[in-house]
């Protein structure tokens, strides 16, 4: 357990006032200790010192709780960007990617989280070639962090005339939006593209180049935002998402160095790792990392994924 110092509390804006109050009480205690008193007054002085020290203890506990909460939020932030991308399977893969996004949206609504569309590229079938969403809410990253990876679906597409089962895939990426992201990047490494946003949003959205795409040339990573009405806000959102992607790539590279150690872990999957199969004919969902299955596809597709998420978190803790 981390041992906090008064300097830690004075550096944190949330605890600065409490730290100043703690110091003020320390000054009062010091004055009482050097005060010359009669025997009759000594008892009162000692009682006053005990009362002041008790106040200090309460302040210290409060400051520790605040700092621990900050550390918890830094490890498990309450804001993420969730990306879905169609894989193998053509139109059926894009429709599955769309359905995955709907699952997370419905689950988010049930949790009382904010679910905001950032950008998408749609297929001719009305599915997602790729799409990104910003989700905010208490415990969102802790709950969804193990969803990164390849999701596979086995079912008979509505366009299939022979009744054959098709297998398609879509990938999911969960990017934590941490407040303290320290990355040393040269500003010249970024390229920006501007375009008109499509879809709903009023005349301004379609006439003005408000959509922003930012590319980090050394890694090839990019981010696009069309959700906001102004170019400036879209640029800020795209940049924050891109920085999260760069930070996540660095984490993945670090994990790769210790690949043997993380073989048994549930988390830290990447887009290429197959994590789950949704088998519609058998009404079965199987998570391959923990070798566990559930038989409620209809419920899961409507956002009831709590049992799956809980099983993954439990397995990871064990």
Foldseek 3Di string as FASTA:
>chain_A
DDDDDLVNQCVDPVRVVLSVVLVVLVVVLVCLVPDDDDPVCVVVSVVSNVVSVVSNVVSVVVSVVVVVVLVVCQVQPQKKKKKKAWDPDPPVSQQVSQLVLLLVVLQLVVQVKDKAWFDFDADPNGGTNMTMIMIGDPRPCVLCQLQFAKEKEWAQDPPHPVRHIDITIMGMHIFDLGPDQDDDDDPVQKDKDWAADDDDDDDQRRPDRQKMKMARNVVRDIFIGSRDSHNVVRVVVRVSNSSSVVVLVVVLVVCVVVVVVCLLASGDDHHHHYAWYCYVVQQWIAGVSVRDIDRHSVVSSSNPCNVVSVVNSVSRVD
